[in-house]
Amino acid sequence: SGQGGMLREVRRLDVSCNVIGNAGATALSDMLAVNRTLSELSLSDNQIAGAGVEALSGAIASNTHLQTLDLSNNLLQGDNLGSLAAVLSWNSVLLQQLPDAGAHVAVNQTLRCLLLRGNVLGDVGARFIAAALASHPTLEHVGLEDYEVGDVGADVLGHALRLRQSGGLAPLKFLSLANNAVTAHGLDRLLG
């Protein structure tokens, strides 16, 4: 019910290591859309896939308090990040990928920490994250460990970081690409 129901005063919610799946993510998105106190949400290890992330993305777009989102170790694939990247970026092409793209679309400006480790997102997912990195004003901590990023993804992420800097946004404070497939060439491209 209104303003987040029974969780209206909760600031940190950790439901990691359960099996809520897409149905649970959708139920949480209904709460998240109206909740004005929750700042941290951990949904790691919950068998969430594309439909669950799509539902969460719509809620995150209208939420003005969420600062940390942990979707680590779920069932996400690269193309599942389109809707999330759209609400985290100012990229009009990505915004058109949201359901009901013709409607007014909100863009989240409060998220500071995004954790996606352990999902099979690869270079395709890196492209979506790069769009958010290049334009999201408050994003400062991104965890992409065990993500299957290769040199192409590292290159795209490096380009996004340079765009972020040239756009006058605050620098990223933490980026983890541990346990990926980035070579020395990809690292060189990342570092620009």
C-alpha atoms as a PDB file:
ATOM      1  CA  SER A   1       0.000   0.000   0.000  1.00  0.00           C
ATOM      2  CA  GLY A   2       0.977   3.698  -0.081  1.00  0.00           C
ATOM      3  CA  GLN A   3       4.568   4.807   0.499  1.00  0.00           C
ATOM      4  CA  GLY A   4       5.968   1.269   0.620  1.00  0.00           C
ATOM      5  CA  GLY A   5       3.420  -0.464   2.846  1.00  0.00           C
ATOM      6  CA  MET A   6       4.881  -2.338   5.821  1.00  0.00           C
ATOM      7  CA  LEU A   7       8.393  -1.384   4.747  1.00  0.00           C
ATOM      8  CA  ARG A   8       7.793   2.344   4.671  1.00  0.00           C
ATOM      9  CA  GLU A   9      10.490   3.100   7.312  1.00  0.00           C
ATOM     10  CA  VAL A  10      13.074   0.527   6.181  1.00  0.00           C
ATOM     11  CA  ARG A  11      16.258   2.072   4.802  1.00  0.00           C
ATOM     12  CA  ARG A  12      18.154  -1.124   3.932  1.00  0.00           C
ATOM     13  CA  LEU A  13      16.502  -4.270   2.606  1.00  0.00           C
ATOM     14  CA  ASP A  14      18.536  -7.425   2.021  1.00  0.00           C
ATOM     15  CA  VAL A  15      16.677 -10.405   0.603  1.00  0.00           C
ATOM     16  CA  SER A  16      19.736 -11.984  -0.990  1.00  0.00           C
ATOM     17  CA  CYS A  17      20.195 -15.760  -1.269  1.00  0.00           C
ATOM     18  CA  ASN A  18      16.508 -16.561  -1.647  1.00  0.00           C
ATOM     19  CA  VAL A  19      14.538 -17.702  -4.687  1.00  0.00           C
ATOM     20  CA  ILE A  20      12.212 -14.756  -5.274  1.00  0.00           C
ATOM     21  CA  GLY A  21      12.737 -14.850  -9.055  1.00  0.00           C
ATOM     22  CA  ASN A  22      10.949 -12.503 -11.408  1.00  0.00           C
ATOM     23  CA  ALA A  23       7.670 -12.652  -9.449  1.00  0.00           C
ATOM     24  CA  GLY A  24       9.375 -11.448  -6.277  1.00  0.00           C
ATOM     25  CA  ALA A  25      11.302  -8.763  -8.151  1.00  0.00           C
ATOM     26  CA  THR A  26       8.026  -7.538  -9.623  1.00  0.00           C
ATOM     27  CA  ALA A  27       6.387  -7.446  -6.183  1.00  0.00           C
ATOM     28  CA  LEU A  28       9.361  -5.506  -4.805  1.00  0.00           C
ATOM     29  CA  SER A  29       9.207  -3.092  -7.728  1.00  0.00           C
ATOM     30  CA  ASP A  30       5.657  -2.138  -6.772  1.00  0.00           C
ATOM     31  CA  MET A  31       6.925  -1.179  -3.303  1.00  0.00           C
ATOM     32  CA  LEU A  32      10.064   0.474  -4.662  1.00  0.00           C
ATOM     33  CA  ALA A  33       8.072   2.735  -6.975  1.00  0.00           C
ATOM     34  CA  VAL A  34       6.389   4.464  -4.032  1.00  0.00           C
ATOM     35  CA  ASN A  35       8.886   3.977  -1.188  1.00  0.00           C
ATOM     36  CA  ARG A  36      10.671   7.168  -0.120  1.00  0.00           C
ATOM     37  CA  THR A  37      13.031   5.802   2.543  1.00  0.00           C
ATOM     38  CA  LEU A  38      14.773   2.741   1.096  1.00  0.00           C
ATOM     39  CA  SER A  39      18.354   3.579   0.158  1.00  0.00           C
ATOM     40  CA  GLU A  40      19.877   0.084  -0.204  1.00  0.00           C
ATOM     41  CA  LEU A  41      18.355  -2.970  -1.875  1.00  0.00           C
ATOM     42  CA  SER A  42      20.189  -6.283  -2.154  1.00  0.00           C
ATOM     43  CA  LEU A  43      18.628  -8.860  -4.439  1.00  0.00           C
ATOM     44  CA  SER A  44      21.721 -10.970  -5.094  1.00  0.00           C
ATOM     45  CA  ASP A  45      21.383 -14.736  -5.642  1.00  0.00           C
ATOM     46  CA  ASN A  46      17.648 -14.713  -6.341  1.00  0.00           C
ATOM     47  CA  GLN A  47      17.195 -16.224  -9.814  1.00  0.00           C
ATOM     48  CA  ILE A  48      16.055 -12.895 -11.237  1.00  0.00           C
ATOM     49  CA  ALA A  49      16.134 -12.680 -15.026  1.00  0.00           C
ATOM     50  CA  GLY A  50      15.029 -10.212 -17.710  1.00  0.00           C
ATOM     51  CA  ALA A  51      11.394  -9.707 -16.720  1.00  0.00           C
ATOM     52  CA  GLY A  52      12.338  -9.062 -13.102  1.00  0.00           C
ATOM     53  CA  VAL A  53      14.937  -6.466 -14.060  1.00  0.00           C
ATOM     54  CA  GLU A  54      12.464  -4.784 -16.383  1.00  0.00           C
ATOM     55  CA  ALA A  55       9.963  -4.431 -13.543  1.00  0.00           C
ATOM     56  CA  LEU A  56      12.632  -3.127 -11.166  1.00  0.00           C
ATOM     57  CA  SER A  57      13.856  -0.650 -13.784  1.00  0.00           C
ATOM     58  CA  GLY A  58      10.467   1.009 -14.048  1.00  0.00           C
ATOM     59  CA  ALA A  59      10.356   1.426 -10.283  1.00  0.00           C
ATOM     60  CA  ILE A  60      13.921   2.717 -10.070  1.00  0.00           C
ATOM     61  CA  ALA A  61      13.077   5.387 -12.621  1.00  0.00           C
ATOM     62  CA  SER A  62      10.590   6.994 -10.255  1.00  0.00           C
ATOM     63  CA  ASN A  63      12.433   6.290  -7.009  1.00  0.00           C
ATOM     64  CA  THR A  64      14.382   9.274  -5.723  1.00  0.00           C
ATOM     65  CA  HIS A  65      16.030   7.653  -2.707  1.00  0.00           C
ATOM     66  CA  LEU A  66      17.599   4.346  -3.767  1.00  0.00           C
ATOM     67  CA  GLN A  67      21.386   4.632  -3.705  1.00  0.00           C
ATOM     68  CA  THR A  68      22.559   1.001  -3.799  1.00  0.00           C
ATOM     69  CA  LEU A  69      21.244  -1.824  -5.964  1.00  0.00           C
ATOM     70  CA  ASP A  70      22.788  -5.289  -5.805  1.00  0.00           C
ATOM     71  CA  LEU A  71      21.687  -7.683  -8.542  1.00  0.00           C
ATOM     72  CA  SER A  72      24.758  -9.911  -8.298  1.00  0.00           C
ATOM     73  CA  ASN A  73      24.640 -13.630  -9.098  1.00  0.00           C
ATOM     74  CA  ASN A  74      21.252 -13.723 -10.763  1.00  0.00           C
ATOM     75  CA  LEU A  75      20.241 -15.060 -14.186  1.00  0.00           C
ATOM     76  CA  LEU A  76      20.823 -11.848 -16.130  1.00  0.00           C
ATOM     77  CA  GLN A  77      22.172 -11.803 -19.658  1.00  0.00           C
ATOM     78  CA  GLY A  78      23.587  -8.853 -21.612  1.00  0.00           C
ATOM     79  CA  ASP A  79      20.430  -7.793 -23.380  1.00  0.00           C
ATOM     80  CA  ASN A  80      18.497  -7.832 -20.057  1.00  0.00           C
ATOM     81  CA  LEU A  81      20.189  -4.572 -19.050  1.00  0.00           C
ATOM     82  CA  GLY A  82      18.563  -2.341 -21.672  1.00  0.00           C
ATOM     83  CA  SER A  83      15.743  -1.125 -19.440  1.00  0.00           C
ATOM     84  CA  LEU A  84      18.018  -0.624 -16.417  1.00  0.00           C
ATOM     85  CA  ALA A  85      20.600   1.285 -18.441  1.00  0.00           C
ATOM     86  CA  ALA A  86      17.838   3.430 -19.906  1.00  0.00           C
ATOM     87  CA  VAL A  87      16.649   4.683 -16.522  1.00  0.00           C
ATOM     88  CA  LEU A  88      20.233   5.316 -15.402  1.00  0.00           C
ATOM     89  CA  SER A  89      21.291   7.284 -18.447  1.00  0.00           C
ATOM     90  CA  TRP A  90      20.325  10.286 -20.500  1.00  0.00           C
ATOM     91  CA  ASN A  91      20.753   8.331 -23.737  1.00  0.00           C
ATOM     92  CA  SER A  92      17.581   8.866 -25.774  1.00  0.00           C
ATOM     93  CA  VAL A  93      18.178   5.708 -27.835  1.00  0.00           C
ATOM     94  CA  LEU A  94      18.226   3.603 -24.673  1.00  0.00           C
ATOM     95  CA  LEU A  95      15.191   5.434 -23.310  1.00  0.00           C
ATOM     96  CA  GLN A  96      13.262   4.320 -26.396  1.00  0.00           C
ATOM     97  CA  GLN A  97      13.845   0.690 -25.361  1.00  0.00           C
ATOM     98  CA  LEU A  98      11.672   1.063 -22.278  1.00  0.00           C
ATOM     99  CA  PRO A  99       8.121  -0.267 -22.361  1.00  0.00           C
ATOM    100  CA  ASP A 100       5.700   2.564 -23.159  1.00  0.00           C
ATOM    101  CA  ALA A 101       8.572   4.593 -24.609  1.00  0.00           C
ATOM    102  CA  GLY A 102       6.142   7.223 -25.838  1.00  0.00           C
ATOM    103  CA  ALA A 103       5.136   8.063 -22.261  1.00  0.00           C
ATOM    104  CA  HIS A 104       7.104  10.462 -20.087  1.00  0.00           C
ATOM    105  CA  VAL A 105      10.163   8.575 -18.857  1.00  0.00           C
ATOM    106  CA  ALA A 106      11.856   9.405 -15.580  1.00  0.00           C
ATOM    107  CA  VAL A 107      15.597   9.025 -15.276  1.00  0.00           C
ATOM    108  CA  ASN A 108      17.040   7.951 -11.925  1.00  0.00           C
ATOM    109  CA  GLN A 109      19.589  10.427 -10.570  1.00  0.00           C
ATOM    110  CA  THR A 110      20.259   9.007  -7.096  1.00  0.00           C
ATOM    111  CA  LEU A 111      21.848   5.574  -7.581  1.00  0.00           C
ATOM    112  CA  ARG A 112      25.461   5.569  -6.363  1.00  0.00           C
ATOM    113  CA  CYS A 113      26.314   1.867  -6.257  1.00  0.00           C
ATOM    114  CA  LEU A 114      25.399  -0.782  -8.839  1.00  0.00           C
ATOM    115  CA  LEU A 115      26.559  -4.366  -8.279  1.00  0.00           C
ATOM    116  CA  LEU A 116      26.110  -6.860 -11.102  1.00  0.00           C
ATOM    117  CA  ARG A 117      28.874  -9.408 -10.463  1.00  0.00           C
ATOM    118  CA  GLY A 118      28.352 -13.012 -11.396  1.00  0.00           C
ATOM    119  CA  ASN A 119      25.873 -12.462 -14.215  1.00  0.00           C
ATOM    120  CA  VAL A 120      26.626 -13.569 -17.776  1.00  0.00           C
ATOM    121  CA  LEU A 121      26.431 -10.096 -19.264  1.00  0.00           C
ATOM    122  CA  GLY A 122      29.634  -9.951 -21.302  1.00  0.00           C
ATOM    123  CA  ASP A 123      30.489  -7.201 -23.731  1.00  0.00           C
ATOM    124  CA  VAL A 124      26.809  -6.631 -24.607  1.00  0.00           C
ATOM    125  CA  GLY A 125      26.024  -5.860 -20.973  1.00  0.00           C
ATOM    126  CA  ALA A 126      29.157  -3.702 -20.756  1.00  0.00           C
ATOM    127  CA  ARG A 127      27.752  -1.521 -23.548  1.00  0.00           C
ATOM    128  CA  PHE A 128      24.587  -0.886 -21.540  1.00  0.00           C
ATOM    129  CA  ILE A 129      26.534  -0.148 -18.362  1.00  0.00           C
ATOM    130  CA  ALA A 130      28.804   2.176 -20.362  1.00  0.00           C
ATOM    131  CA  ALA A 131      25.769   4.282 -21.322  1.00  0.00           C
ATOM    132  CA  ALA A 132      24.947   4.754 -17.646  1.00  0.00           C
ATOM    133  CA  LEU A 133      28.584   5.427 -16.715  1.00  0.00           C
ATOM    134  CA  ALA A 134      28.878   8.128 -19.351  1.00  0.00           C
ATOM    135  CA  SER A 135      25.898  10.104 -18.137  1.00  0.00           C
ATOM    136  CA  HIS A 136      24.635   9.155 -14.665  1.00  0.00           C
ATOM    137  CA  PRO A 137      25.505  12.054 -12.328  1.00  0.00           C
ATOM    138  CA  THR A 138      25.823  10.178  -9.010  1.00  0.00           C
ATOM    139  CA  LEU A 139      27.022   6.686  -9.970  1.00  0.00           C
ATOM    140  CA  GLU A 140      30.364   6.131  -8.246  1.00  0.00           C
ATOM    141  CA  HIS A 141      30.714   2.407  -7.491  1.00  0.00           C
ATOM    142  CA  VAL A 142      30.217  -0.312 -10.125  1.00  0.00           C
ATOM    143  CA  GLY A 143      30.941  -3.984  -9.544  1.00  0.00           C
ATOM    144  CA  LEU A 144      31.227  -6.104 -12.683  1.00  0.00           C
ATOM    145  CA  GLU A 145      33.186  -9.075 -11.318  1.00  0.00           C
ATOM    146  CA  ASP A 146      32.726 -12.497 -12.981  1.00  0.00           C
ATOM    147  CA  TYR A 147      30.774 -10.728 -15.716  1.00  0.00           C
ATOM    148  CA  GLU A 148      32.479 -12.213 -18.804  1.00  0.00           C
ATOM    149  CA  VAL A 149      33.703  -8.825 -20.019  1.00  0.00           C
ATOM    150  CA  GLY A 150      36.381  -9.003 -22.698  1.00  0.00           C
ATOM    151  CA  ASP A 151      38.505  -6.426 -24.462  1.00  0.00           C
ATOM    152  CA  VAL A 152      35.567  -5.011 -26.423  1.00  0.00           C
ATOM    153  CA  GLY A 153      33.673  -4.363 -23.188  1.00  0.00           C
ATOM    154  CA  ALA A 154      36.764  -2.833 -21.563  1.00  0.00           C
ATOM    155  CA  ASP A 155      37.163  -0.512 -24.536  1.00  0.00           C
ATOM    156  CA  VAL A 156      33.527   0.622 -24.328  1.00  0.00           C
ATOM    157  CA  LEU A 157      33.756   1.149 -20.580  1.00  0.00           C
ATOM    158  CA  GLY A 158      36.961   3.161 -21.001  1.00  0.00           C
ATOM    159  CA  HIS A 159      35.297   5.345 -23.618  1.00  0.00           C
ATOM    160  CA  ALA A 160      32.353   5.914 -21.257  1.00  0.00           C
ATOM    161  CA  LEU A 161      34.682   6.946 -18.444  1.00  0.00           C
ATOM    162  CA  ARG A 162      36.363   9.474 -20.731  1.00  0.00           C
ATOM    163  CA  LEU A 163      32.955  10.828 -21.780  1.00  0.00           C
ATOM    164  CA  ARG A 164      32.014  11.068 -18.109  1.00  0.00           C
ATOM    165  CA  GLN A 165      35.119  13.120 -17.403  1.00  0.00           C
ATOM    166  CA  SER A 166      34.695  15.387 -20.412  1.00  0.00           C
ATOM    167  CA  GLY A 167      31.030  15.924 -19.466  1.00  0.00           C
ATOM    168  CA  GLY A 168      32.032  17.309 -16.091  1.00  0.00           C
ATOM    169  CA  LEU A 169      30.534  14.474 -14.050  1.00  0.00           C
ATOM    170  CA  ALA A 170      32.137  13.333 -10.810  1.00  0.00           C
ATOM    171  CA  PRO A 171      34.748  10.647 -11.388  1.00  0.00           C
ATOM    172  CA  LEU A 172      33.918   7.032 -10.715  1.00  0.00           C
ATOM    173  CA  LYS A 173      35.404   6.012  -7.346  1.00  0.00           C
ATOM    174  CA  PHE A 174      35.306   2.232  -7.751  1.00  0.00           C
ATOM    175  CA  LEU A 175      35.132  -0.042 -10.793  1.00  0.00           C
ATOM    176  CA  SER A 176      35.754  -3.745 -10.411  1.00  0.00           C
ATOM    177  CA  LEU A 177      36.353  -5.954 -13.416  1.00  0.00           C
ATOM    178  CA  ALA A 178      37.892  -8.811 -11.413  1.00  0.00           C
ATOM    179  CA  ASN A 179      37.744 -12.305 -12.902  1.00  0.00           C
ATOM    180  CA  ASN A 180      36.787 -11.301 -16.436  1.00  0.00           C
ATOM    181  CA  ALA A 181      38.499 -11.898 -19.795  1.00  0.00           C
ATOM    182  CA  VAL A 182      40.259  -8.540 -20.177  1.00  0.00           C
ATOM    183  CA  THR A 183      43.760  -8.770 -21.674  1.00  0.00           C
ATOM    184  CA  ALA A 184      46.598  -6.227 -21.557  1.00  0.00           C
ATOM    185  CA  HIS A 185      45.196  -4.712 -24.771  1.00  0.00           C
ATOM    186  CA  GLY A 186      41.758  -4.315 -23.184  1.00  0.00           C
ATOM    187  CA  LEU A 187      43.276  -2.814 -20.051  1.00  0.00           C
ATOM    188  CA  ASP A 188      45.136  -0.311 -22.198  1.00  0.00           C
ATOM    189  CA  ARG A 189      41.845   0.642 -23.894  1.00  0.00           C
ATOM    190  CA  LEU A 190      40.094   0.911 -20.529  1.00  0.00           C
ATOM    191  CA  LEU A 191      42.768   3.227 -19.164  1.00  0.00           C
ATOM    192  CA  GLY A 192      42.746   5.271 -22.366  1.00  0.00           C
END
